[in-house]
Amino acid sequence: THGGTWIFWLVIVVVVTDVAGYFAGRIFGGPKFWPRISPKKTWSGTVA
């Protein structure tokens, strides 16, 4: 209906979110976002 551009946008947003969170979380560390559920996810990675 809307073309492939918006699918690319969606996928890139998700990939960048994952990559930025992966590197920021391991470089900066800091407080956990939700330690009881996802102990590796940090606020630094989330905001990144």
All heavy atoms as atom14 arrays in JSON, in Angstrom:
{
  "sequence": "THGGTWIFWLVIVVVVTDVAGYFAGRIFGGPKFWPRISPKKTWSGTVA",
  "atom14_mask": [
    [1, 1, 1, 1, 1, 1, 1, 0, 0, 0, 0, 0, 0, 0],
    [1, 1, 1, 1, 1, 1, 1, 1, 1, 1, 0, 0, 0, 0],
    [1, 1, 1, 1, 0, 0, 0, 0, 0, 0, 0, 0, 0, 0],
    [1, 1, 1, 1, 0, 0, 0, 0, 0, 0, 0, 0, 0, 0],
    [1, 1, 1, 1, 1, 1, 1, 0, 0, 0, 0, 0, 0, 0],
    [1, 1, 1, 1, 1, 1, 1, 1, 1, 1, 1, 1, 1, 1],
    [1, 1, 1, 1, 1, 1, 1, 1, 0, 0, 0, 0, 0, 0],
    [1, 1, 1, 1, 1, 1, 1, 1, 1, 1, 1, 0, 0, 0],
    [1, 1, 1, 1, 1, 1, 1, 1, 1, 1, 1, 1, 1, 1],
    [1, 1, 1, 1, 1, 1, 1, 1, 0, 0, 0, 0, 0, 0],
    [1, 1, 1, 1, 1, 1, 1, 0, 0, 0, 0, 0, 0, 0],
    [1, 1, 1, 1, 1, 1, 1, 1, 0, 0, 0, 0, 0, 0],
    [1, 1, 1, 1, 1, 1, 1, 0, 0, 0, 0, 0, 0, 0],
    [1, 1, 1, 1, 1, 1, 1, 0, 0, 0, 0, 0, 0, 0],
    [1, 1, 1, 1, 1, 1, 1, 0, 0, 0, 0, 0, 0, 0],
    [1, 1, 1, 1, 1, 1, 1, 0, 0, 0, 0, 0, 0, 0],
    [1, 1, 1, 1, 1, 1, 1, 0, 0, 0, 0, 0, 0, 0],
    [1, 1, 1, 1, 1, 1, 1, 1, 0, 0, 0, 0, 0, 0],
    [1, 1, 1, 1, 1, 1, 1, 0, 0, 0, 0, 0, 0, 0],
    [1, 1, 1, 1, 1, 0, 0, 0, 0, 0, 0, 0, 0, 0],
    [1, 1, 1, 1, 0, 0, 0, 0, 0, 0, 0, 0, 0, 0],
    [1, 1, 1, 1, 1, 1, 1, 1, 1, 1, 1, 1, 0, 0],
    [1, 1, 1, 1, 1, 1, 1, 1, 1, 1, 1, 0, 0, 0],
    [1, 1, 1, 1, 1, 0, 0, 0, 0, 0, 0, 0, 0, 0],
    [1, 1, 1, 1, 0, 0, 0, 0, 0, 0, 0, 0, 0, 0],
    [1, 1, 1, 1, 1, 1, 1, 1, 1, 1, 1, 0, 0, 0],
    [1, 1, 1, 1, 1, 1, 1, 1, 0, 0, 0, 0, 0, 0],
    [1, 1, 1, 1, 1, 1, 1, 1, 1, 1, 1, 0, 0, 0],
    [1, 1, 1, 1, 0, 0, 0, 0, 0, 0, 0, 0, 0, 0],
    [1, 1, 1, 1, 0, 0, 0, 0, 0, 0, 0, 0, 0, 0],
    [1, 1, 1, 1, 1, 1, 1, 0, 0, 0, 0, 0, 0, 0],
    [1, 1, 1, 1, 1, 1, 1, 1, 1, 0, 0, 0, 0, 0],
    [1, 1, 1, 1, 1, 1, 1, 1, 1, 1, 1, 0, 0, 0],
    [1, 1, 1, 1, 1, 1, 1, 1, 1, 1, 1, 1, 1, 1],
    [1, 1, 1, 1, 1, 1, 1, 0, 0, 0, 0, 0, 0, 0],
    [1, 1, 1, 1, 1, 1, 1, 1, 1, 1, 1, 0, 0, 0],
    [1, 1, 1, 1, 1, 1, 1, 1, 0, 0, 0, 0, 0, 0],
    [1, 1, 1, 1, 1, 1, 0, 0, 0, 0, 0, 0, 0, 0],
    [1, 1, 1, 1, 1, 1, 1, 0, 0, 0, 0, 0, 0, 0],
    [1, 1, 1, 1, 1, 1, 1, 1, 1, 0, 0, 0, 0, 0],
    [1, 1, 1, 1, 1, 1, 1, 1, 1, 0, 0, 0, 0, 0],
    [1, 1, 1, 1, 1, 1, 1, 0, 0, 0, 0, 0, 0, 0],
    [1, 1, 1, 1, 1, 1, 1, 1, 1, 1, 1, 1, 1, 1],
    [1, 1, 1, 1, 1, 1, 0, 0, 0, 0, 0, 0, 0, 0],
    [1, 1, 1, 1, 0, 0, 0, 0, 0, 0, 0, 0, 0, 0],
    [1, 1, 1, 1, 1, 1, 1, 0, 0, 0, 0, 0, 0, 0],
    [1, 1, 1, 1, 1, 1, 1, 0, 0, 0, 0, 0, 0, 0],
    [1, 1, 1, 1, 1, 0, 0, 0, 0, 0, 0, 0, 0, 0]
  ],
  "atom14_positions": [
    [[0.81, -1.22, 0.0], [0.0, 0.0, 0.0], [0.84, 1.27, 0.0], [0.55, 2.22, -0.73], [-0.94, 0.02, 1.23], [-1.75, -1.15, 1.22], [-1.82, 1.26, 1.21], [0.0, 0.0, 0.0], [0.0, 0.0, 0.0], [0.0, 0.0, 0.0], [0.0, 0.0, 0.0], [0.0, 0.0, 0.0], [0.0, 0.0, 0.0], [0.0, 0.0, 0.0]],
    [[1.9, 1.28, 0.8], [2.65, 2.52, 1.02], [4.06, 2.51, 0.43], [4.76, 3.52, 0.51], [2.75, 2.81, 2.51], [1.41, 2.92, 3.19], [0.53, 3.95, 2.94], [0.8, 2.12, 4.1], [-0.56, 3.79, 3.67], [-0.43, 2.68, 4.38], [0.0, 0.0, 0.0], [0.0, 0.0, 0.0], [0.0, 0.0, 0.0], [0.0, 0.0, 0.0]],
    [[4.48, 1.41, -0.16], [5.8, 1.36, -0.77], [6.87, 0.85, 0.18], [6.68, 0.8, 1.4], [0.0, 0.0, 0.0], [0.0, 0.0, 0.0], [0.0, 0.0, 0.0], [0.0, 0.0, 0.0], [0.0, 0.0, 0.0], [0.0, 0.0, 0.0], [0.0, 0.0, 0.0], [0.0, 0.0, 0.0], [0.0, 0.0, 0.0], [0.0, 0.0, 0.0]],
    [[8.01, 0.5, -0.39], [9.07, -0.11, 0.4], [9.88, 0.85, 1.24], [10.56, 0.44, 2.19], [0.0, 0.0, 0.0], [0.0, 0.0, 0.0], [0.0, 0.0, 0.0], [0.0, 0.0, 0.0], [0.0, 0.0, 0.0], [0.0, 0.0, 0.0], [0.0, 0.0, 0.0], [0.0, 0.0, 0.0], [0.0, 0.0, 0.0], [0.0, 0.0, 0.0]],
    [[9.83, 2.16, 0.93], [10.65, 3.12, 1.67], [10.36, 3.08, 3.16], [11.27, 3.12, 4.0], [10.42, 4.54, 1.14], [10.85, 4.61, -0.22], [11.21, 5.57, 1.95], [0.0, 0.0, 0.0], [0.0, 0.0, 0.0], [0.0, 0.0, 0.0], [0.0, 0.0, 0.0], [0.0, 0.0, 0.0], [0.0, 0.0, 0.0], [0.0, 0.0, 0.0]],
    [[9.07, 3.01, 3.51], [8.71, 3.02, 4.93], [9.08, 1.73, 5.62], [9.33, 1.71, 6.83], [7.23, 3.32, 5.1], [6.85, 4.65, 4.54], [5.94, 4.93, 3.57], [7.43, 5.93, 4.91], [5.9, 6.27, 3.3], [6.8, 6.92, 4.11], [8.41, 6.32, 5.81], [7.13, 8.26, 4.19], [8.74, 7.66, 5.91], [8.1, 8.61, 5.11]],
    [[9.16, 0.62, 4.89], [9.64, -0.63, 5.48], [11.13, -0.51, 5.76], [11.62, -0.93, 6.81], [9.35, -1.83, 4.56], [7.85, -1.93, 4.26], [9.84, -3.12, 5.21], [6.99, -2.2, 5.48], [0.0, 0.0, 0.0], [0.0, 0.0, 0.0], [0.0, 0.0, 0.0], [0.0, 0.0, 0.0], [0.0, 0.0, 0.0], [0.0, 0.0, 0.0]],
    [[11.87, 0.09, 4.8], [13.29, 0.33, 5.03], [13.49, 1.23, 6.26], [14.36, 0.99, 7.09], [13.93, 0.99, 3.81], [14.32, 0.02, 2.74], [13.82, 0.13, 1.46], [15.21, -1.02, 3.0], [14.18, -0.76, 0.46], [15.58, -1.92, 2.01], [15.06, -1.8, 0.74], [0.0, 0.0, 0.0], [0.0, 0.0, 0.0], [0.0, 0.0, 0.0]],
    [[12.67, 2.27, 6.35], [12.75, 3.18, 7.5], [12.54, 2.41, 8.79], [13.31, 2.56, 9.75], [11.71, 4.28, 7.34], [11.42, 5.06, 8.59], [12.25, 5.92, 9.25], [10.19, 5.03, 9.34], [11.62, 6.44, 10.35], [10.35, 5.91, 10.44], [8.97, 4.37, 9.17], [9.34, 6.13, 11.37], [7.96, 4.58, 10.1], [8.16, 5.45, 11.18]],
    [[11.52, 1.58, 8.83], [11.22, 0.8, 10.03], [12.39, -0.1, 10.4], [12.83, -0.14, 11.56], [9.96, -0.04, 9.8], [9.61, -1.05, 10.9], [9.17, -0.33, 12.16], [8.52, -2.0, 10.42], [0.0, 0.0, 0.0], [0.0, 0.0, 0.0], [0.0, 0.0, 0.0], [0.0, 0.0, 0.0], [0.0, 0.0, 0.0], [0.0, 0.0, 0.0]],
    [[12.9, -0.83, 9.42], [13.99, -1.78, 9.67], [15.24, -1.04, 10.13], [15.93, -1.47, 11.08], [14.27, -2.62, 8.42], [15.54, -3.45, 8.6], [13.09, -3.52, 8.1], [0.0, 0.0, 0.0], [0.0, 0.0, 0.0], [0.0, 0.0, 0.0], [0.0, 0.0, 0.0], [0.0, 0.0, 0.0], [0.0, 0.0, 0.0], [0.0, 0.0, 0.0]],
    [[15.55, 0.08, 9.48], [16.75, 0.83, 9.85], [16.62, 1.4, 11.26], [17.58, 1.39, 12.04], [17.03, 1.95, 8.83], [17.39, 1.33, 7.47], [18.17, 2.86, 9.3], [17.49, 2.34, 6.35], [0.0, 0.0, 0.0], [0.0, 0.0, 0.0], [0.0, 0.0, 0.0], [0.0, 0.0, 0.0], [0.0, 0.0, 0.0], [0.0, 0.0, 0.0]],
    [[15.44, 1.89, 11.62], [15.21, 2.38, 12.98], [15.49, 1.27, 13.99], [16.17, 1.49, 15.0], [13.78, 2.92, 13.14], [13.41, 3.03, 14.62], [13.63, 4.26, 12.47], [0.0, 0.0, 0.0], [0.0, 0.0, 0.0], [0.0, 0.0, 0.0], [0.0, 0.0, 0.0], [0.0, 0.0, 0.0], [0.0, 0.0, 0.0], [0.0, 0.0, 0.0]],
    [[14.99, 0.08, 13.72], [15.18, -1.05, 14.64], [16.64, -1.46, 14.7], [17.19, -1.69, 15.79], [14.3, -2.24, 14.22], [14.61, -3.47, 15.07], [12.82, -1.88, 14.34], [0.0, 0.0, 0.0], [0.0, 0.0, 0.0], [0.0, 0.0, 0.0], [0.0, 0.0, 0.0], [0.0, 0.0, 0.0], [0.0, 0.0, 0.0], [0.0, 0.0, 0.0]],
    [[17.3, -1.53, 13.55], [18.71, -1.93, 13.52], [19.58, -0.9, 14.24], [20.45, -1.26, 15.04], [19.19, -2.12, 12.06], [20.71, -2.3, 12.02], [18.5, -3.32, 11.43], [0.0, 0.0, 0.0], [0.0, 0.0, 0.0], [0.0, 0.0, 0.0], [0.0, 0.0, 0.0], [0.0, 0.0, 0.0], [0.0, 0.0, 0.0], [0.0, 0.0, 0.0]],
    [[19.35, 0.38, 13.96], [20.14, 1.43, 14.61], [19.89, 1.42, 16.12], [20.82, 1.61, 16.91], [19.82, 2.81, 14.0], [20.4, 3.93, 14.85], [20.37, 2.89, 12.58], [0.0, 0.0, 0.0], [0.0, 0.0, 0.0], [0.0, 0.0, 0.0], [0.0, 0.0, 0.0], [0.0, 0.0, 0.0], [0.0, 0.0, 0.0], [0.0, 0.0, 0.0]],
    [[18.66, 1.21, 16.51], [18.34, 1.12, 17.94], [19.14, 0.0, 18.6], [19.73, 0.18, 19.67], [16.84, 0.85, 18.15], [16.09, 1.97, 17.67], [16.5, 0.62, 19.61], [0.0, 0.0, 0.0], [0.0, 0.0, 0.0], [0.0, 0.0, 0.0], [0.0, 0.0, 0.0], [0.0, 0.0, 0.0], [0.0, 0.0, 0.0], [0.0, 0.0, 0.0]],
    [[19.18, -1.14, 17.94], [19.89, -2.3, 18.48], [21.39, -2.07, 18.51], [22.05, -2.33, 19.52], [19.56, -3.54, 17.64], [20.19, -4.81, 18.23], [19.92, -5.11, 19.39], [20.95, -5.48, 17.51], [0.0, 0.0, 0.0], [0.0, 0.0, 0.0], [0.0, 0.0, 0.0], [0.0, 0.0, 0.0], [0.0, 0.0, 0.0], [0.0, 0.0, 0.0]],
    [[21.95, -1.56, 17.41], [23.39, -1.34, 17.32], [23.85, -0.25, 18.29], [24.84, -0.42, 19.02], [23.8, -0.98, 15.88], [25.27, -0.56, 15.82], [23.55, -2.17, 14.95], [0.0, 0.0, 0.0], [0.0, 0.0, 0.0], [0.0, 0.0, 0.0], [0.0, 0.0, 0.0], [0.0, 0.0, 0.0], [0.0, 0.0, 0.0], [0.0, 0.0, 0.0]],
    [[23.13, 0.87, 18.32], [23.49, 1.96, 19.22], [23.4, 1.51, 20.67], [24.27, 1.82, 21.51], [22.58, 3.17, 18.99], [0.0, 0.0, 0.0], [0.0, 0.0, 0.0], [0.0, 0.0, 0.0], [0.0, 0.0, 0.0], [0.0, 0.0, 0.0], [0.0, 0.0, 0.0], [0.0, 0.0, 0.0], [0.0, 0.0, 0.0], [0.0, 0.0, 0.0]],
    [[22.34, 0.75, 20.98], [22.2, 0.25, 22.34], [23.28, -0.74, 22.72], [23.79, -0.72, 23.85], [0.0, 0.0, 0.0], [0.0, 0.0, 0.0], [0.0, 0.0, 0.0], [0.0, 0.0, 0.0], [0.0, 0.0, 0.0], [0.0, 0.0, 0.0], [0.0, 0.0, 0.0], [0.0, 0.0, 0.0], [0.0, 0.0, 0.0], [0.0, 0.0, 0.0]],
    [[23.68, -1.58, 21.77], [24.72, -2.59, 22.02], [26.05, -1.93, 22.37], [26.67, -2.23, 23.39], [24.88, -3.48, 20.79], [25.96, -4.54, 20.91], [25.67, -5.77, 21.47], [27.25, -4.29, 20.46], [26.65, -6.75, 21.58], [28.25, -5.26, 20.56], [27.94, -6.49, 21.13], [28.92, -7.45, 21.24], [0.0, 0.0, 0.0], [0.0, 0.0, 0.0]],
    [[26.47, -0.98, 21.54], [27.77, -0.35, 21.75], [27.75, 0.63, 22.93], [28.68, 0.65, 23.74], [28.24, 0.36, 20.48], [28.77, -0.59, 19.44], [27.99, -0.95, 18.35], [30.03, -1.13, 19.55], [28.46, -1.83, 17.39], [30.52, -2.02, 18.61], [29.74, -2.37, 17.52], [0.0, 0.0, 0.0], [0.0, 0.0, 0.0], [0.0, 0.0, 0.0]],
    [[26.7, 1.43, 23.04], [26.63, 2.39, 24.14], [26.56, 1.67, 25.48], [27.19, 2.09, 26.47], [25.42, 3.31, 23.97], [0.0, 0.0, 0.0], [0.0, 0.0, 0.0], [0.0, 0.0, 0.0], [0.0, 0.0, 0.0], [0.0, 0.0, 0.0], [0.0, 0.0, 0.0], [0.0, 0.0, 0.0], [0.0, 0.0, 0.0], [0.0, 0.0, 0.0]],
    [[25.79, 0.59, 25.52], [25.67, -0.16, 26.76], [26.98, -0.76, 27.21], [27.29, -0.8, 28.42], [0.0, 0.0, 0.0], [0.0, 0.0, 0.0], [0.0, 0.0, 0.0], [0.0, 0.0, 0.0], [0.0, 0.0, 0.0], [0.0, 0.0, 0.0], [0.0, 0.0, 0.0], [0.0, 0.0, 0.0], [0.0, 0.0, 0.0], [0.0, 0.0, 0.0]],
    [[27.8, -1.23, 26.28], [29.07, -1.86, 26.63], [30.18, -0.83, 26.85], [31.12, -1.08, 27.58], [29.47, -2.86, 25.54], [28.71, -4.18, 25.69], [28.66, -4.98, 24.42], [27.96, -6.25, 24.65], [26.66, -6.39, 24.81], [25.89, -5.32, 24.78], [26.12, -7.56, 25.01], [0.0, 0.0, 0.0], [0.0, 0.0, 0.0], [0.0, 0.0, 0.0]],
    [[30.08, 0.31, 26.2], [31.1, 1.35, 26.37], [30.84, 2.17, 27.64], [31.75, 2.41, 28.44], [31.15, 2.27, 25.15], [31.67, 1.49, 23.92], [32.06, 3.47, 25.41], [31.57, 2.27, 22.62], [0.0, 0.0, 0.0], [0.0, 0.0, 0.0], [0.0, 0.0, 0.0], [0.0, 0.0, 0.0], [0.0, 0.0, 0.0], [0.0, 0.0, 0.0]],
    [[29.6, 2.61, 27.82], [29.28, 3.5, 28.93], [28.72, 2.77, 30.15], [28.88, 3.22, 31.28], [28.29, 4.58, 28.47], [28.79, 5.41, 27.34], [28.22, 5.29, 26.08], [29.83, 6.29, 27.52], [28.68, 6.05, 25.02], [30.31, 7.06, 26.47], [29.73, 6.94, 25.21], [0.0, 0.0, 0.0], [0.0, 0.0, 0.0], [0.0, 0.0, 0.0]],
    [[28.03, 1.65, 29.91], [27.45, 0.91, 31.03], [26.44, 1.75, 31.8], [25.64, 2.48, 31.21], [0.0, 0.0, 0.0], [0.0, 0.0, 0.0], [0.0, 0.0, 0.0], [0.0, 0.0, 0.0], [0.0, 0.0, 0.0], [0.0, 0.0, 0.0], [0.0, 0.0, 0.0], [0.0, 0.0, 0.0], [0.0, 0.0, 0.0], [0.0, 0.0, 0.0]],
    [[26.49, 1.68, 33.1], [25.6, 2.48, 33.93], [24.4, 1.71, 34.43], [24.32, 0.48, 34.33], [0.0, 0.0, 0.0], [0.0, 0.0, 0.0], [0.0, 0.0, 0.0], [0.0, 0.0, 0.0], [0.0, 0.0, 0.0], [0.0, 0.0, 0.0], [0.0, 0.0, 0.0], [0.0, 0.0, 0.0], [0.0, 0.0, 0.0], [0.0, 0.0, 0.0]],
    [[23.41, 2.44, 34.97], [22.22, 1.8, 35.55], [21.46, 0.95, 34.53], [21.42, 1.28, 33.34], [21.38, 3.0, 36.01], [22.33, 4.13, 36.13], [23.39, 3.91, 35.09], [0.0, 0.0, 0.0], [0.0, 0.0, 0.0], [0.0, 0.0, 0.0], [0.0, 0.0, 0.0], [0.0, 0.0, 0.0], [0.0, 0.0, 0.0], [0.0, 0.0, 0.0]],
    [[20.86, -0.11, 35.03], [20.08, -0.99, 34.17], [18.69, -0.41, 33.91], [18.11, 0.24, 34.77], [19.94, -2.37, 34.82], [21.27, -3.04, 35.13], [22.1, -3.28, 33.87], [23.4, -4.01, 34.22], [24.24, -4.25, 33.02], [0.0, 0.0, 0.0], [0.0, 0.0, 0.0], [0.0, 0.0, 0.0], [0.0, 0.0, 0.0], [0.0, 0.0, 0.0]],
    [[18.19, -0.66, 32.71], [16.89, -0.14, 32.32], [15.76, -0.89, 33.03], [14.84, -0.29, 33.57], [16.72, -0.25, 30.8], [15.4, 0.24, 30.28], [15.13, 1.6, 30.23], [14.43, -0.64, 29.84], [13.91, 2.07, 29.76], [13.21, -0.18, 29.36], [12.95, 1.18, 29.33], [0.0, 0.0, 0.0], [0.0, 0.0, 0.0], [0.0, 0.0, 0.0]],
    [[15.84, -2.22, 33.02], [14.82, -3.04, 33.69], [15.5, -4.35, 34.1], [15.31, -5.4, 33.46], [13.67, -3.32, 32.73], [12.39, -3.73, 33.39], [12.22, -4.29, 34.63], [11.07, -3.63, 32.85], [10.91, -4.53, 34.9], [10.17, -4.13, 33.81], [10.56, -3.15, 31.64], [8.8, -4.19, 33.6], [9.2, -3.22, 31.43], [8.33, -3.72, 32.39]],
    [[16.31, -4.31, 35.17], [17.18, -5.44, 35.51], [16.46, -6.76, 35.77], [17.0, -7.82, 35.51], [17.91, -4.95, 36.77], [17.07, -3.82, 37.31], [16.44, -3.19, 36.11], [0.0, 0.0, 0.0], [0.0, 0.0, 0.0], [0.0, 0.0, 0.0], [0.0, 0.0, 0.0], [0.0, 0.0, 0.0], [0.0, 0.0, 0.0], [0.0, 0.0, 0.0]],
    [[15.22, -6.7, 36.29], [14.51, -7.95, 36.59], [14.14, -8.7, 35.32], [14.04, -9.93, 35.32], [13.25, -7.65, 37.38], [13.49, -7.21, 38.82], [12.2, -7.09, 39.57], [11.46, -8.35, 39.59], [10.21, -8.47, 40.01], [9.55, -7.4, 40.45], [9.6, -9.64, 40.0], [0.0, 0.0, 0.0], [0.0, 0.0, 0.0], [0.0, 0.0, 0.0]],
    [[13.93, -7.98, 34.24], [13.48, -8.6, 32.99], [14.63, -8.74, 31.99], [14.81, -9.79, 31.38], [12.34, -7.77, 32.35], [11.16, -7.64, 33.32], [11.9, -8.41, 31.04], [10.54, -8.96, 33.71], [0.0, 0.0, 0.0], [0.0, 0.0, 0.0], [0.0, 0.0, 0.0], [0.0, 0.0, 0.0], [0.0, 0.0, 0.0], [0.0, 0.0, 0.0]],
    [[15.4, -7.67, 31.8], [16.48, -7.67, 30.82], [17.75, -7.13, 31.48], [18.04, -5.93, 31.39], [16.09, -6.8, 29.61], [17.06, -6.87, 28.59], [0.0, 0.0, 0.0], [0.0, 0.0, 0.0], [0.0, 0.0, 0.0], [0.0, 0.0, 0.0], [0.0, 0.0, 0.0], [0.0, 0.0, 0.0], [0.0, 0.0, 0.0], [0.0, 0.0, 0.0]],
    [[18.51, -7.99, 32.16], [19.65, -7.54, 32.97], [20.78, -6.9, 32.18], [21.6, -6.19, 32.76], [20.12, -8.83, 33.65], [19.59, -9.95, 32.81], [18.3, -9.45, 32.24], [0.0, 0.0, 0.0], [0.0, 0.0, 0.0], [0.0, 0.0, 0.0], [0.0, 0.0, 0.0], [0.0, 0.0, 0.0], [0.0, 0.0, 0.0], [0.0, 0.0, 0.0]],
    [[20.85, -7.11, 30.87], [21.92, -6.53, 30.08], [21.59, -5.14, 29.53], [22.48, -4.4, 29.11], [22.27, -7.46, 28.91], [22.92, -8.77, 29.32], [23.33, -9.57, 28.11], [24.02, -10.87, 28.52], [24.42, -11.67, 27.33], [0.0, 0.0, 0.0], [0.0, 0.0, 0.0], [0.0, 0.0, 0.0], [0.0, 0.0, 0.0], [0.0, 0.0, 0.0]],
    [[20.32, -4.78, 29.51], [19.91, -3.51, 28.9], [20.14, -2.36, 29.88], [19.64, -2.38, 31.01], [18.45, -3.57, 28.47], [18.02, -2.4, 27.6], [16.58, -2.56, 27.16], [16.4, -3.73, 26.24], [17.14, -3.56, 24.97], [0.0, 0.0, 0.0], [0.0, 0.0, 0.0], [0.0, 0.0, 0.0], [0.0, 0.0, 0.0], [0.0, 0.0, 0.0]],
    [[20.9, -1.36, 29.45], [21.22, -0.21, 30.28], [20.47, 1.04, 29.81], [19.99, 1.1, 28.67], [22.72, 0.1, 30.25], [23.09, 0.44, 28.9], [23.53, -1.11, 30.7], [0.0, 0.0, 0.0], [0.0, 0.0, 0.0], [0.0, 0.0, 0.0], [0.0, 0.0, 0.0], [0.0, 0.0, 0.0], [0.0, 0.0, 0.0], [0.0, 0.0, 0.0]],
    [[20.4, 2.03, 30.69], [19.78, 3.3, 30.31], [20.61, 4.0, 29.24], [20.06, 4.64, 28.34], [19.63, 4.21, 31.53], [18.33, 4.03, 32.23], [18.11, 3.4, 33.42], [17.05, 4.49, 31.77], [16.76, 3.42, 33.73], [16.09, 4.09, 32.75], [16.61, 5.18, 30.64], [14.73, 4.37, 32.61], [15.26, 5.46, 30.51], [14.34, 5.06, 31.48]],
    [[21.94, 3.86, 29.31], [22.79, 4.49, 28.29], [22.5, 3.91, 26.92], [22.4, 4.64, 25.92], [24.27, 4.33, 28.64], [24.63, 2.96, 28.71], [0.0, 0.0, 0.0], [0.0, 0.0, 0.0], [0.0, 0.0, 0.0], [0.0, 0.0, 0.0], [0.0, 0.0, 0.0], [0.0, 0.0, 0.0], [0.0, 0.0, 0.0], [0.0, 0.0, 0.0]],
    [[22.36, 2.59, 26.84], [22.04, 1.95, 25.56], [20.65, 2.28, 25.09], [20.41, 2.47, 23.89], [0.0, 0.0, 0.0], [0.0, 0.0, 0.0], [0.0, 0.0, 0.0], [0.0, 0.0, 0.0], [0.0, 0.0, 0.0], [0.0, 0.0, 0.0], [0.0, 0.0, 0.0], [0.0, 0.0, 0.0], [0.0, 0.0, 0.0], [0.0, 0.0, 0.0]],
    [[19.71, 2.37, 26.03], [18.33, 2.7, 25.68], [18.23, 4.09, 25.08], [17.62, 4.28, 24.01], [17.44, 2.6, 26.94], [17.51, 1.27, 27.47], [16.0, 2.93, 26.59], [0.0, 0.0, 0.0], [0.0, 0.0, 0.0], [0.0, 0.0, 0.0], [0.0, 0.0, 0.0], [0.0, 0.0, 0.0], [0.0, 0.0, 0.0], [0.0, 0.0, 0.0]],
    [[18.83, 5.06, 25.74], [18.77, 6.44, 25.25], [19.54, 6.58, 23.94], [19.12, 7.31, 23.03], [19.32, 7.4, 26.31], [19.41, 8.83, 25.76], [18.45, 7.38, 27.56], [0.0, 0.0, 0.0], [0.0, 0.0, 0.0], [0.0, 0.0, 0.0], [0.0, 0.0, 0.0], [0.0, 0.0, 0.0], [0.0, 0.0, 0.0], [0.0, 0.0, 0.0]],
    [[20.66, 5.87, 23.82], [21.42, 5.91, 22.57], [20.57, 5.4, 21.41], [20.66, 5.92, 20.28], [22.69, 5.07, 22.7], [0.0, 0.0, 0.0], [0.0, 0.0, 0.0], [0.0, 0.0, 0.0], [0.0, 0.0, 0.0], [0.0, 0.0, 0.0], [0.0, 0.0, 0.0], [0.0, 0.0, 0.0], [0.0, 0.0, 0.0], [0.0, 0.0, 0.0]]
  ]
}
